[in-house]
Amino acid sequence: MLREERLQIILKMLETNQRVSSVELSEILNVSDDTIRRDLNELAENGLLKKVHGGAVPRSAHPYKLKERIKVAHEEKMVLAQKAQAYFHDGQVILLDNGSTNMEVARMMSPDLKATVFTNSLQIAQILCEHPSIQLFFLGGKVFKDAQNTYGAEVIEMLQKIRADICILGVCGIHHDIGVTIQDWGENQVKRKMVDISQKVVALVTASKVNTAESYVVCTLDELDVMLTDDCIDEALLKDYQKHDIVIQ
């Protein structure tokens, strides 16, 4: 079998099963473990999958730049944003992570909500500047232009002084074995700290993010309290997530 044929079979199996095992691939394709390892390395280097222990999982197909992400799965993001509103009440200290879904969360916040919001998103801060009752704090630091958010030591230092009631966490990838993941190390550190300082963590997950993984782990599933999903997710995909102590809505 030609190398190109093997690579196509691996990608097709990954699309169907949402995970491939190196051992199974070696047996099915009748090649050595070293050959499978080289094949997976090549596909990973081309951004077509994410290598994990014992095999590989899909990568999120979503674009990286915020201005491009805003255009993707808009209706699904609106559903998630509406569901998130049920978790807000007066007097809370709320962490709003960056991302296009959380921009919709900010837009939908009731004008009567009297809460304190911390965010590292330039766009969310701009949206909430118009909110009549929200006390807004912007987490200043180095600006990541592609994502239009801040990160770095200054952001982490400010977060260390906060004890949040709830964190609304944007998700780049989520996998039942790996947890929540993201592409950028700097953003990962901010998200990780947000999880650490929050009494409740709510992850917003569109269907295309389920069973995908990126390079850096933000948190495990056991560190999430709630996983909000859109109406497009196949219930069968959620079975492995339901084994964890997470409210899935």
Protein backbone atom coordinates (compact mmCIF):
# COMPACT_ATOMS: atom_id res chain seq x y z
CA MET A 1 0.00 0.00 0.00
CA LEU A 2 1.31 3.45 -0.92
CA ARG A 3 2.02 6.00 1.81
CA GLU A 4 -0.60 8.40 0.41
CA GLU A 5 -3.23 5.66 0.62
CA ARG A 6 -2.32 4.93 4.25
CA LEU A 7 -2.61 8.59 5.18
CA GLN A 8 -6.06 8.86 3.60
CA ILE A 9 -7.23 5.72 5.42
CA ILE A 10 -5.96 7.10 8.74
CA LEU A 11 -7.81 10.38 8.21
CA LYS A 12 -10.99 8.57 7.19
CA MET A 13 -10.85 6.36 10.30
CA LEU A 14 -10.25 9.44 12.43
CA GLU A 15 -13.27 11.17 10.91
CA THR A 16 -15.46 8.11 11.56
CA ASN A 17 -14.25 7.09 15.03
CA GLN A 18 -13.02 10.42 16.46
CA ARG A 19 -9.85 8.64 17.64
CA VAL A 20 -7.33 6.20 16.17
CA SER A 21 -5.04 3.77 17.99
CA SER A 22 -1.49 3.21 16.78
CA VAL A 23 -1.77 -0.51 17.54
CA GLU A 24 -5.01 -0.86 15.57
CA LEU A 25 -3.62 1.12 12.65
CA SER A 26 -0.54 -1.10 12.53
CA GLU A 27 -2.72 -4.22 12.41
CA ILE A 28 -5.28 -2.89 9.92
CA LEU A 29 -2.70 -1.42 7.54
CA ASN A 30 -0.25 -4.30 8.05
CA VAL A 31 2.75 -2.05 8.66
CA SER A 32 5.20 -1.61 11.53
CA ASP A 33 4.70 0.60 14.58
CA ASP A 34 7.53 2.82 13.32
CA THR A 35 5.72 3.35 10.01
CA ILE A 36 2.51 4.35 11.79
CA ARG A 37 4.47 6.68 14.05
CA ARG A 38 5.99 8.41 11.01
CA ASP A 39 2.57 8.64 9.34
CA LEU A 40 0.98 10.22 12.42
CA ASN A 41 3.90 12.61 12.79
CA GLU A 42 3.50 13.76 9.19
CA LEU A 43 -0.24 14.30 9.56
CA ALA A 44 0.28 16.14 12.85
CA GLU A 45 2.93 18.41 11.32
CA ASN A 46 0.45 19.29 8.57
CA GLY A 47 -2.18 20.20 11.17
CA LEU A 48 -4.52 17.35 10.22
CA LEU A 49 -4.64 15.63 13.62
CA LYS A 50 -3.35 15.86 17.18
CA LYS A 51 -1.10 13.09 18.45
CA VAL A 52 -1.97 11.73 21.89
CA HIS A 53 -0.69 8.81 23.94
CA GLY A 54 -1.31 5.64 21.94
CA GLY A 55 -2.72 7.29 18.83
CA ALA A 56 -4.35 10.49 17.60
CA VAL A 57 -7.52 12.61 17.76
CA PRO A 58 -8.91 15.28 15.39
CA ARG A 59 -7.90 18.91 15.63
CA SER A 60 -10.51 21.63 15.69
CA ALA A 61 -11.31 22.87 12.19
CA HIS A 62 -12.11 26.38 13.38
CA PRO A 63 -9.96 29.31 12.19
CA TYR A 64 -7.57 30.89 14.68
CA LYS A 65 -8.08 34.62 14.10
CA LEU A 66 -11.03 36.14 15.95
CA LYS A 67 -12.29 38.08 12.94
CA GLU A 68 -12.63 34.75 11.10
CA ARG A 69 -14.08 32.81 14.05
CA ILE A 70 -16.88 35.36 14.44
CA LYS A 71 -18.32 34.18 11.11
CA VAL A 72 -18.38 30.46 12.06
CA ALA A 73 -21.34 28.62 13.67
CA HIS A 74 -23.09 31.85 14.63
CA GLU A 75 -26.47 30.26 15.36
CA GLU A 76 -24.89 27.61 17.59
CA LYS A 77 -23.03 30.29 19.52
CA MET A 78 -26.27 32.19 20.06
CA VAL A 79 -27.82 29.05 21.58
CA LEU A 80 -24.88 28.65 23.97
CA ALA A 81 -24.93 32.33 24.92
CA GLN A 82 -28.63 32.12 25.78
CA LYS A 83 -28.08 29.03 27.94
CA ALA A 84 -25.25 30.78 29.81
CA GLN A 85 -27.57 33.57 30.98
CA ALA A 86 -29.23 31.18 33.46
CA TYR A 87 -25.98 31.06 35.45
CA PHE A 88 -25.79 34.81 36.15
CA HIS A 89 -27.31 36.64 39.10
CA ASP A 90 -26.83 39.89 40.96
CA GLY A 91 -23.75 40.29 43.12
CA GLN A 92 -21.58 37.78 41.26
CA VAL A 93 -17.95 38.21 40.30
CA ILE A 94 -17.85 36.83 36.74
CA LEU A 95 -14.85 35.91 34.61
CA LEU A 96 -15.59 36.15 30.89
CA ASP A 97 -12.89 34.40 28.92
CA ASN A 98 -12.10 35.68 25.44
CA GLY A 99 -13.69 34.29 22.29
CA SER A 100 -16.45 34.78 19.77
CA THR A 101 -19.03 32.78 21.75
CA ASN A 102 -18.40 34.81 24.89
CA MET A 103 -18.91 37.97 22.86
CA GLU A 104 -22.49 36.80 22.33
CA VAL A 105 -22.75 36.00 26.05
CA ALA A 106 -21.79 39.59 26.84
CA ARG A 107 -24.30 41.01 24.35
CA MET A 108 -27.14 38.97 25.90
CA MET A 109 -26.48 39.94 29.51
CA SER A 110 -29.62 41.42 31.01
CA PRO A 111 -29.47 45.21 31.38
CA ASP A 112 -30.75 44.68 34.94
CA LEU A 113 -27.86 42.37 35.93
CA LYS A 114 -25.82 43.99 38.70
CA ALA A 115 -22.55 42.07 38.71
CA THR A 116 -18.80 42.54 38.40
CA VAL A 117 -17.14 41.24 35.23
CA PHE A 118 -13.44 40.69 34.62
CA THR A 119 -12.33 39.97 31.05
CA ASN A 120 -9.14 39.87 28.99
CA SER A 121 -11.06 40.31 25.73
CA LEU A 122 -10.84 43.67 23.98
CA GLN A 123 -14.12 43.01 22.18
CA ILE A 124 -16.03 41.90 25.28
CA ALA A 125 -14.77 44.91 27.23
CA GLN A 126 -16.03 47.17 24.46
CA ILE A 127 -19.44 45.47 24.46
CA LEU A 128 -19.84 45.70 28.24
CA CYS A 129 -18.82 49.36 28.30
CA GLU A 130 -22.39 49.96 27.10
CA HIS A 131 -23.98 47.85 29.86
CA PRO A 132 -25.81 50.06 32.40
CA SER A 133 -25.34 47.90 35.52
CA ILE A 134 -22.13 45.88 35.07
CA GLN A 135 -19.00 46.93 36.93
CA LEU A 136 -16.30 46.16 34.37
CA PHE A 137 -12.61 45.40 34.91
CA PHE A 138 -10.27 44.87 31.98
CA LEU A 139 -7.32 42.54 32.56
CA GLY A 140 -4.52 44.52 30.95
CA GLY A 141 -1.37 42.94 29.55
CA LYS A 142 0.33 42.11 26.29
CA VAL A 143 -2.15 42.11 23.40
CA PHE A 144 -2.47 39.01 21.25
CA LYS A 145 -3.61 40.71 18.05
CA ASP A 146 -5.00 37.64 16.25
CA ALA A 147 -7.31 36.76 19.15
CA GLN A 148 -7.81 40.38 20.31
CA ASN A 149 -7.14 39.54 23.94
CA THR A 150 -4.47 40.06 26.57
CA TYR A 151 -2.11 37.59 28.19
CA GLY A 152 1.16 37.47 30.09
CA ALA A 153 2.46 38.09 33.61
CA GLU A 154 0.36 41.23 34.18
CA VAL A 155 -2.89 39.36 33.49
CA ILE A 156 -1.88 36.43 35.70
CA GLU A 157 -0.87 38.78 38.53
CA MET A 158 -4.25 40.52 38.48
CA LEU A 159 -6.13 37.21 38.37
CA GLN A 160 -4.25 36.02 41.45
CA LYS A 161 -6.05 38.71 43.46
CA ILE A 162 -9.54 37.59 42.40
CA ARG A 163 -11.88 34.91 43.72
CA ALA A 164 -14.55 34.57 41.05
CA ASP A 165 -18.00 33.07 41.52
CA ILE A 166 -18.12 31.78 37.95
CA CYS A 167 -15.92 31.51 34.87
CA ILE A 168 -17.46 31.27 31.40
CA LEU A 169 -14.76 29.39 29.53
CA GLY A 170 -14.32 29.50 25.76
CA VAL A 171 -13.26 26.19 24.22
CA CYS A 172 -10.99 25.55 21.23
CA GLY A 173 -11.05 21.78 21.64
CA ILE A 174 -12.50 19.33 24.16
CA HIS A 175 -11.92 15.60 24.43
CA HIS A 176 -13.21 13.15 27.04
CA ASP A 177 -9.72 11.70 27.61
CA ILE A 178 -7.70 14.92 27.43
CA GLY A 179 -9.91 17.77 28.61
CA VAL A 180 -10.11 21.35 27.34
CA THR A 181 -7.26 22.40 25.05
CA ILE A 182 -6.04 25.46 23.13
CA GLN A 183 -3.46 26.27 20.44
CA ASP A 184 -1.47 29.03 22.18
CA TRP A 185 0.65 28.66 25.34
CA GLY A 186 0.16 32.25 26.50
CA GLU A 187 -3.62 32.03 26.24
CA ASN A 188 -3.48 28.65 27.94
CA GLN A 189 -1.85 30.14 31.02
CA VAL A 190 -4.58 32.77 31.39
CA LYS A 191 -7.38 30.24 30.96
CA ARG A 192 -5.69 27.89 33.43
CA LYS A 193 -5.55 30.63 36.07
CA MET A 194 -9.20 31.56 35.44
CA VAL A 195 -10.19 27.95 36.15
CA ASP A 196 -8.08 27.88 39.31
CA ILE A 197 -9.68 30.96 40.87
CA SER A 198 -13.33 30.22 40.02
CA GLN A 199 -15.86 28.46 42.23
CA LYS A 200 -17.81 27.29 39.15
CA VAL A 201 -16.48 26.73 35.62
CA VAL A 202 -18.90 26.65 32.69
CA ALA A 203 -17.52 25.54 29.31
CA LEU A 204 -19.29 26.60 26.10
CA VAL A 205 -18.93 23.89 23.45
CA THR A 206 -20.15 23.95 19.85
CA ALA A 207 -20.53 20.60 18.07
CA SER A 208 -17.39 21.00 15.98
CA LYS A 209 -15.20 21.26 19.10
CA VAL A 210 -16.30 17.92 20.61
CA ASN A 211 -13.65 15.16 20.56
CA THR A 212 -10.97 17.47 19.17
CA ALA A 213 -7.71 18.51 20.79
CA GLU A 214 -5.08 21.21 20.48
CA SER A 215 -1.51 21.48 21.78
CA TYR A 216 -1.99 22.79 25.33
CA VAL A 217 -4.26 21.45 28.08
CA VAL A 218 -6.26 24.11 29.94
CA CYS A 219 -7.99 21.74 32.37
CA THR A 220 -9.32 18.23 32.73
CA LEU A 221 -13.02 17.44 32.48
CA ASP A 222 -13.11 16.86 36.24
CA GLU A 223 -12.32 20.56 36.73
CA LEU A 224 -15.45 21.59 34.81
CA ASP A 225 -18.80 21.99 36.56
CA VAL A 226 -21.02 22.60 33.54
CA MET A 227 -20.71 21.86 29.83
CA LEU A 228 -23.17 23.80 27.68
CA THR A 229 -23.70 22.37 24.20
CA ASP A 230 -25.61 23.48 21.14
CA ASP A 231 -28.54 21.60 19.62
CA CYS A 232 -26.42 20.14 16.79
CA ILE A 233 -24.43 17.71 18.94
CA ASP A 234 -25.18 14.02 18.51
CA GLU A 235 -26.14 12.62 21.92
CA ALA A 236 -23.94 9.57 21.24
CA LEU A 237 -20.87 11.83 21.27
CA LEU A 238 -21.66 12.93 24.82
CA LYS A 239 -21.74 9.46 26.43
CA ASP A 240 -18.07 9.53 27.42
CA TYR A 241 -18.51 13.02 28.90
CA GLN A 242 -21.47 11.92 30.99
CA LYS A 243 -19.18 9.55 32.89
CA HIS A 244 -17.64 12.61 34.54
CA ASP A 245 -19.28 14.65 37.27
CA ILE A 246 -20.38 17.41 34.89
CA VAL A 247 -23.78 18.96 34.28
CA ILE A 248 -24.35 18.75 30.51
CA GLN A 249 -27.06 20.95 29.03
